[in-house]
Amino acid sequence: MDASAPLSPSLAPVGCYFAGDDNLRVTVLNGLAGVTVRVAGRFLHCEAGAAPRIEPFAHTLVPASDRTASTLTTRLGTGWLLDVQAIASGGTPLTGQTFVILSVVRGLSGGIEDLATLAAGYLTSTQRVVWPGDRIHDSLDGGGALRSISGTTPAPGAEISETVPAGARWQLLAFRAQLVTDANVASRVIRLLVDDGANILAHTSTNVGQATALTYTYGWVQGPMTGAVGQVNALLFGLPNLLLLGAGWRIRTSTASIQVGDQFSLVQYLVREWIEGS
């Protein structure tokens, strides 16, 4: 073999050829703090005047945790990318929280042109995104990350309002809250609403009045249910199945005859979460 010429296509391995201006780009959309992504692989260098050589490479990226895109672009040289993989080397993301795209781009900074996507998918501390062998997944594929979220306790006399964060898609599975009523005489009736930030898209009413100086716990789960007050003043109601919420959508209460001293607390809800934006 002539070491002064690039490896000919007939002798090249199964891989992706990189010309001098081609580079590897890693794009991470992440919704969890404390995550570090490690990207590693092997590259077959075929520079003119030098013997072909296989060189391993490894890089790390600490992505933002607000689901915005964090990128790392690295120059590998002239030759063939043999394999590459990405894994969470720090943090414990669930499937649905850290989405990685491995791609080939032209340029290193400034005006960078995307040329090809090698692989895309969710990674964890044990689940890798790899090329070759992996397919290009959409960020909305799969079952999402199962998250139990502690909501915000509103001020006395105020309603619950929880907002889907930017870059996320949720499926609401269950919702729970406690209401303590003050000494004002009134019958409070709660509705749980879902809106897109302005327009109400779904709602479910408890149809049960809560009187003065009482503590009730309200729960909602997927499926049709009729609420009933038990010995511990706990009520359970239904939610629509496959209730998907986009970024900026809200889960909130609207309480008839709410009084200035009424207090919601212990807000907790269960969602499936995906990253939206691949």
Protein backbone atom coordinates (compact mmCIF):
# COMPACT_ATOMS: atom_id res chain seq x y z
CA MET A 1 0.00 0.00 0.00
CA ASP A 2 1.25 3.49 -0.90
CA ALA A 3 1.36 5.44 2.36
CA SER A 4 1.48 8.72 0.44
CA ALA A 5 -2.11 8.36 -0.87
CA PRO A 6 -5.44 8.08 0.95
CA LEU A 7 -6.88 4.63 1.42
CA SER A 8 -8.74 3.71 -1.77
CA PRO A 9 -12.49 3.03 -1.59
CA SER A 10 -11.92 -0.63 -2.49
CA LEU A 11 -9.74 -1.09 0.58
CA ALA A 12 -11.73 1.23 2.91
CA PRO A 13 -13.61 -0.18 5.90
CA VAL A 14 -17.33 0.10 6.35
CA GLY A 15 -17.54 3.59 7.78
CA CYS A 16 -18.14 7.24 7.08
CA TYR A 17 -15.48 9.15 5.15
CA PHE A 18 -14.42 12.54 6.54
CA ALA A 19 -12.75 15.04 4.24
CA GLY A 20 -10.53 17.69 5.78
CA ASP A 21 -13.39 20.12 6.44
CA ASP A 22 -15.80 17.50 7.81
CA ASN A 23 -16.28 17.26 11.56
CA LEU A 24 -18.23 15.31 14.14
CA ARG A 25 -20.95 17.21 15.97
CA VAL A 26 -22.69 16.11 19.17
CA THR A 27 -25.99 17.81 20.01
CA VAL A 28 -27.59 17.18 23.42
CA LEU A 29 -31.05 18.21 24.60
CA ASN A 30 -31.22 17.50 28.30
CA GLY A 31 -33.77 18.03 31.06
CA LEU A 32 -31.80 16.95 34.15
CA ALA A 33 -29.13 18.79 36.13
CA GLY A 34 -25.76 17.14 36.72
CA VAL A 35 -25.53 15.17 33.47
CA THR A 36 -22.23 14.67 31.62
CA VAL A 37 -22.21 13.07 28.17
CA ARG A 38 -19.13 11.16 27.02
CA VAL A 39 -18.60 10.59 23.30
CA ALA A 40 -15.96 8.09 22.23
CA GLY A 41 -15.01 6.17 19.14
CA ARG A 42 -12.29 5.16 16.67
CA PHE A 43 -11.07 7.00 13.58
CA LEU A 44 -8.95 5.63 10.74
CA HIS A 45 -6.60 8.43 9.65
CA CYS A 46 -5.67 8.42 5.95
CA GLU A 47 -3.71 11.64 5.46
CA ALA A 48 -1.53 11.92 2.38
CA GLY A 49 2.09 11.07 3.06
CA ALA A 50 1.33 9.09 6.21
CA ALA A 51 0.54 5.46 6.86
CA PRO A 52 -3.11 4.77 7.77
CA ARG A 53 -3.58 4.50 11.52
CA ILE A 54 -6.49 3.87 13.85
CA GLU A 55 -6.78 6.39 16.67
CA PRO A 56 -9.33 6.34 19.51
CA PHE A 57 -10.93 9.59 20.61
CA ALA A 58 -13.06 10.69 23.56
CA HIS A 59 -14.74 13.97 24.51
CA THR A 60 -17.13 15.07 27.24
CA LEU A 61 -19.94 17.60 27.20
CA VAL A 62 -21.87 19.01 30.17
CA PRO A 63 -25.19 20.02 28.61
CA ALA A 64 -27.65 22.62 29.82
CA SER A 65 -30.53 21.22 31.88
CA ASP A 66 -33.30 23.37 30.33
CA ARG A 67 -33.76 21.21 27.22
CA THR A 68 -32.05 23.71 24.95
CA ALA A 69 -29.46 22.36 22.53
CA SER A 70 -25.86 22.05 23.75
CA THR A 71 -23.29 21.19 21.08
CA LEU A 72 -19.74 19.94 20.77
CA THR A 73 -18.00 20.00 17.37
CA THR A 74 -14.70 18.20 17.04
CA ARG A 75 -12.22 17.78 14.18
CA LEU A 76 -11.18 14.18 13.58
CA GLY A 77 -9.02 14.60 10.48
CA THR A 78 -9.07 13.03 7.03
CA GLY A 79 -10.14 9.42 6.93
CA TRP A 80 -12.86 7.05 8.04
CA LEU A 81 -15.00 7.15 11.16
CA LEU A 82 -15.18 3.51 12.25
CA ASP A 83 -17.52 3.79 15.21
CA VAL A 84 -18.78 6.26 17.82
CA GLN A 85 -20.98 6.05 20.89
CA ALA A 86 -22.43 8.42 23.49
CA ILE A 87 -23.29 7.58 27.10
CA ALA A 88 -24.06 9.48 30.30
CA SER A 89 -20.80 9.33 32.25
CA GLY A 90 -22.18 11.64 34.94
CA GLY A 91 -25.67 11.91 36.40
CA THR A 92 -28.51 9.41 36.22
CA PRO A 93 -30.86 10.48 33.42
CA LEU A 94 -33.89 8.37 32.67
CA THR A 95 -34.88 7.40 29.16
CA GLY A 96 -36.75 10.50 28.01
CA GLN A 97 -34.50 13.08 29.69
CA THR A 98 -31.25 13.25 27.67
CA PHE A 99 -31.50 13.12 23.88
CA VAL A 100 -28.34 12.97 21.76
CA ILE A 101 -27.79 13.52 18.03
CA LEU A 102 -24.52 12.43 16.38
CA SER A 103 -23.98 14.10 13.02
CA VAL A 104 -21.45 15.06 10.36
CA VAL A 105 -21.05 18.78 9.66
CA ARG A 106 -18.92 20.93 7.38
CA GLY A 107 -17.01 23.61 9.28
CA LEU A 108 -15.85 24.00 12.84
CA SER A 109 -17.28 27.38 13.87
CA GLY A 110 -19.36 30.17 12.43
CA GLY A 111 -21.49 29.01 9.51
CA ILE A 112 -21.66 25.25 10.05
CA GLU A 113 -23.49 23.12 7.49
CA ASP A 114 -25.21 19.91 8.58
CA LEU A 115 -24.39 17.09 6.19
CA ALA A 116 -25.65 13.84 7.71
CA THR A 117 -27.20 12.41 10.85
CA LEU A 118 -25.45 9.27 12.06
CA ALA A 119 -27.57 8.35 15.07
CA ALA A 120 -30.05 9.93 17.46
CA GLY A 121 -31.74 8.71 20.62
CA TYR A 122 -32.04 8.82 24.39
CA LEU A 123 -29.14 7.74 26.56
CA THR A 124 -28.71 6.85 30.21
CA SER A 125 -25.75 5.77 32.33
CA THR A 126 -26.09 2.28 30.79
CA GLN A 127 -27.97 2.86 27.53
CA ARG A 128 -25.81 4.14 24.68
CA VAL A 129 -26.48 5.91 21.40
CA VAL A 130 -24.16 4.21 18.90
CA TRP A 131 -23.07 4.32 15.27
CA PRO A 132 -23.05 2.13 13.30
CA GLY A 133 -25.87 -0.16 14.37
CA ASP A 134 -28.34 2.28 15.90
CA ARG A 135 -31.17 3.92 14.05
CA ILE A 136 -32.22 7.56 14.08
CA HIS A 137 -34.88 7.93 16.77
CA ASP A 138 -37.28 10.83 17.25
CA SER A 139 -37.26 12.52 20.64
CA LEU A 140 -40.94 11.62 21.07
CA ASP A 141 -40.30 7.90 20.56
CA GLY A 142 -40.64 5.47 23.43
CA GLY A 143 -42.39 5.55 26.76
CA GLY A 144 -40.83 8.74 28.09
CA ALA A 145 -39.41 9.39 31.55
CA LEU A 146 -41.74 8.60 34.44
CA ARG A 147 -41.55 11.59 36.80
CA SER A 148 -43.23 12.25 40.15
CA ILE A 149 -43.21 16.04 40.57
CA SER A 150 -43.82 18.05 43.72
CA GLY A 151 -45.79 21.11 42.72
CA THR A 152 -45.80 24.65 44.08
CA THR A 153 -47.90 25.50 47.13
CA PRO A 154 -49.98 28.59 46.24
CA ALA A 155 -50.70 31.47 48.61
CA PRO A 156 -53.84 31.29 50.78
CA GLY A 157 -56.93 31.89 48.70
CA ALA A 158 -55.07 31.17 45.43
CA GLU A 159 -55.42 28.31 42.97
CA ILE A 160 -52.91 25.63 41.95
CA SER A 161 -51.18 26.31 38.62
CA GLU A 162 -48.44 24.07 37.16
CA THR A 163 -46.84 24.78 33.77
CA VAL A 164 -45.16 22.36 31.36
CA PRO A 165 -41.56 23.61 30.99
CA ALA A 166 -40.10 24.78 27.68
CA GLY A 167 -38.85 21.95 25.47
CA ALA A 168 -40.94 19.27 27.21
CA ARG A 169 -44.02 17.24 26.40
CA TRP A 170 -46.00 15.65 29.21
CA GLN A 171 -48.63 12.98 29.54
CA LEU A 172 -50.59 13.54 32.74
CA LEU A 173 -51.13 10.26 34.58
CA ALA A 174 -52.22 11.35 38.05
CA PHE A 175 -52.65 14.50 40.16
CA ARG A 176 -53.13 14.97 43.91
CA ALA A 177 -53.60 17.93 46.26
CA GLN A 178 -54.98 18.80 49.67
CA LEU A 179 -57.39 21.64 50.45
CA VAL A 180 -57.92 23.07 53.93
CA THR A 181 -60.92 25.41 54.12
CA ASP A 182 -61.08 28.45 56.41
CA ALA A 183 -63.91 29.53 58.73
CA ASN A 184 -65.93 31.36 56.07
CA VAL A 185 -69.22 29.63 55.29
CA ALA A 186 -69.24 28.42 51.70
CA SER A 187 -69.35 25.21 49.69
CA ARG A 188 -66.16 24.93 47.64
CA VAL A 189 -66.29 22.81 44.46
CA ILE A 190 -63.03 22.14 42.62
CA ARG A 191 -62.44 21.70 38.91
CA LEU A 192 -59.11 20.48 37.55
CA LEU A 193 -58.34 22.19 34.23
CA VAL A 194 -55.84 21.72 31.42
CA ASP A 195 -55.25 24.69 29.12
CA ASP A 196 -52.73 25.73 26.47
CA GLY A 197 -51.84 28.86 28.40
CA ALA A 198 -55.07 30.58 27.42
CA ASN A 199 -57.74 28.16 26.17
CA ILE A 200 -59.25 25.41 28.33
CA LEU A 201 -58.85 22.05 26.57
CA ALA A 202 -60.02 19.60 29.24
CA HIS A 203 -61.57 19.78 32.67
CA THR A 204 -63.00 17.49 35.29
CA SER A 205 -65.22 18.60 38.17
CA THR A 206 -65.33 17.02 41.59
CA ASN A 207 -69.08 17.82 41.95
CA VAL A 208 -68.54 17.58 45.70
CA GLY A 209 -68.82 20.57 48.01
CA GLN A 210 -66.23 21.06 50.74
CA ALA A 211 -67.63 23.01 53.67
CA THR A 212 -66.08 25.19 56.38
CA ALA A 213 -62.97 24.17 58.36
CA LEU A 214 -62.40 20.82 56.69
CA THR A 215 -59.37 19.07 55.19
CA TYR A 216 -59.96 17.06 52.02
CA THR A 217 -57.44 15.25 49.83
CA TYR A 218 -58.29 15.20 46.11
CA GLY A 219 -56.85 12.78 43.60
CA TRP A 220 -57.23 12.33 39.84
CA VAL A 221 -56.08 9.32 37.82
CA GLN A 222 -56.60 8.20 34.23
CA GLY A 223 -59.94 6.59 33.53
CA PRO A 224 -63.59 7.24 34.44
CA MET A 225 -64.24 7.37 38.18
CA THR A 226 -66.86 8.74 40.56
CA GLY A 227 -65.58 10.60 43.58
CA ALA A 228 -66.61 9.55 47.06
CA VAL A 229 -65.74 10.91 50.48
CA GLY A 230 -64.30 8.25 52.76
CA GLN A 231 -63.52 8.20 56.44
CA VAL A 232 -60.33 10.15 55.85
CA ASN A 233 -62.04 12.74 53.58
CA ALA A 234 -60.25 11.50 50.47
CA LEU A 235 -61.77 11.76 46.99
CA LEU A 236 -60.70 10.16 43.71
CA PHE A 237 -61.72 11.30 40.23
CA GLY A 238 -60.99 10.47 36.61
CA LEU A 239 -58.72 12.00 33.97
CA PRO A 240 -58.89 11.60 30.17
CA ASN A 241 -56.65 8.86 28.83
CA LEU A 242 -53.66 9.91 26.68
CA LEU A 243 -53.83 13.48 27.96
CA LEU A 244 -50.77 15.02 26.26
CA LEU A 245 -49.58 18.52 27.15
CA GLY A 246 -47.16 20.74 25.24
CA ALA A 247 -44.71 23.31 26.54
CA GLY A 248 -46.44 26.25 28.20
CA TRP A 249 -49.63 24.31 28.86
CA ARG A 250 -50.99 24.41 32.40
CA ILE A 251 -52.58 22.06 34.91
CA ARG A 252 -54.59 24.19 37.33
CA THR A 253 -57.56 24.28 39.66
CA SER A 254 -60.62 26.50 39.48
CA THR A 255 -62.58 26.44 42.72
CA ALA A 256 -66.12 27.73 43.06
CA SER A 257 -66.58 29.88 46.20
CA ILE A 258 -62.93 29.73 47.18
CA GLN A 259 -62.29 31.85 50.28
CA VAL A 260 -59.38 34.11 51.22
CA GLY A 261 -58.04 31.71 53.84
CA ASP A 262 -58.48 28.45 51.92
CA GLN A 263 -55.15 26.70 51.46
CA PHE A 264 -54.07 24.22 48.80
CA SER A 265 -50.95 22.16 49.62
CA LEU A 266 -49.22 18.79 49.08
CA VAL A 267 -49.40 19.20 45.30
CA GLN A 268 -47.99 16.09 43.64
CA TYR A 269 -48.44 14.73 40.14
CA LEU A 270 -47.20 11.93 37.92
CA VAL A 271 -46.27 12.50 34.27
CA ARG A 272 -44.47 10.86 31.41
CA GLU A 273 -41.98 13.32 29.97
CA TRP A 274 -40.31 13.58 26.59
CA ILE A 275 -38.02 16.20 25.11
CA GLU A 276 -39.63 18.03 22.23
CA GLY A 277 -37.31 19.53 19.72
CA SER A 278 -35.32 16.95 17.76
